[in-house]
């Protein structure tokens, strides 16, 4: 199974003392060996922020 489910968590919310937003997505382990980073919407901060893959 080359695809795996990963969780993305907001990087800016914890710095500001708010609850981090989380999203789930999939990635191809063979082609994408780095951690996933995407800009997603954080409803607590009411703006788009950088979300990184967590374990």
Protein backbone atom coordinates (compact mmCIF):
# COMPACT_ATOMS: atom_id res chain seq x y z
CA UNK A 1 0.00 0.00 0.00
CA UNK A 2 1.95 3.08 -1.16
CA UNK A 3 -0.52 5.67 0.24
CA UNK A 4 -0.79 6.45 3.93
CA UNK A 5 -3.15 8.66 5.93
CA UNK A 6 -1.44 11.61 7.63
CA UNK A 7 -2.66 14.31 10.02
CA UNK A 8 -1.88 17.98 9.42
CA UNK A 9 -1.80 20.38 12.41
CA UNK A 10 -1.64 24.17 12.46
CA UNK A 11 1.78 25.59 13.34
CA UNK A 12 0.68 29.08 14.41
CA UNK A 13 -2.25 28.41 16.77
CA UNK A 14 -0.22 27.10 19.72
CA UNK A 15 2.03 30.15 19.61
CA UNK A 16 -1.04 32.37 20.01
CA UNK A 17 -2.60 30.19 22.74
CA UNK A 18 -5.53 28.93 20.65
CA UNK A 19 -6.56 25.37 19.87
CA UNK A 20 -4.82 24.01 16.75
CA UNK A 21 -6.93 22.90 13.82
CA UNK A 22 -6.26 19.47 12.34
CA UNK A 23 -6.93 17.99 8.91
CA UNK A 24 -6.37 14.49 7.54
CA UNK A 25 -5.08 13.74 4.06
CA UNK A 26 -3.15 11.04 2.21
CA UNK A 27 0.31 10.97 0.71
CA UNK A 28 2.32 8.60 -1.44
CA UNK A 29 5.18 7.27 0.73
CA UNK A 30 7.36 6.33 -2.23
CA UNK A 31 7.19 9.67 -4.05
CA UNK A 32 6.86 12.08 -1.13
CA UNK A 33 9.38 11.20 1.56
CA UNK A 34 9.36 14.62 3.28
CA UNK A 35 6.73 15.76 5.74
CA UNK A 36 3.67 17.33 4.11
CA UNK A 37 3.12 21.09 4.48
CA UNK A 38 -0.01 22.81 3.19
CA UNK A 39 -1.79 26.10 3.72
CA UNK A 40 -5.22 25.35 5.21
CA UNK A 41 -7.92 27.41 6.93
CA UNK A 42 -7.85 27.64 10.74
CA UNK A 43 -11.30 28.60 12.06
CA UNK A 44 -9.95 29.58 15.51
CA UNK A 45 -7.61 32.17 13.96
CA UNK A 46 -10.01 32.97 11.08
CA UNK A 47 -7.28 32.85 8.42
CA UNK A 48 -5.19 30.49 6.31
CA UNK A 49 -2.10 29.16 8.10
CA UNK A 50 0.64 26.64 7.48
CA UNK A 51 -0.25 23.09 8.55
CA UNK A 52 2.46 20.44 8.95
CA UNK A 53 2.30 16.67 9.16
CA UNK A 54 2.41 15.20 12.68
CA UNK A 55 2.73 11.60 13.85
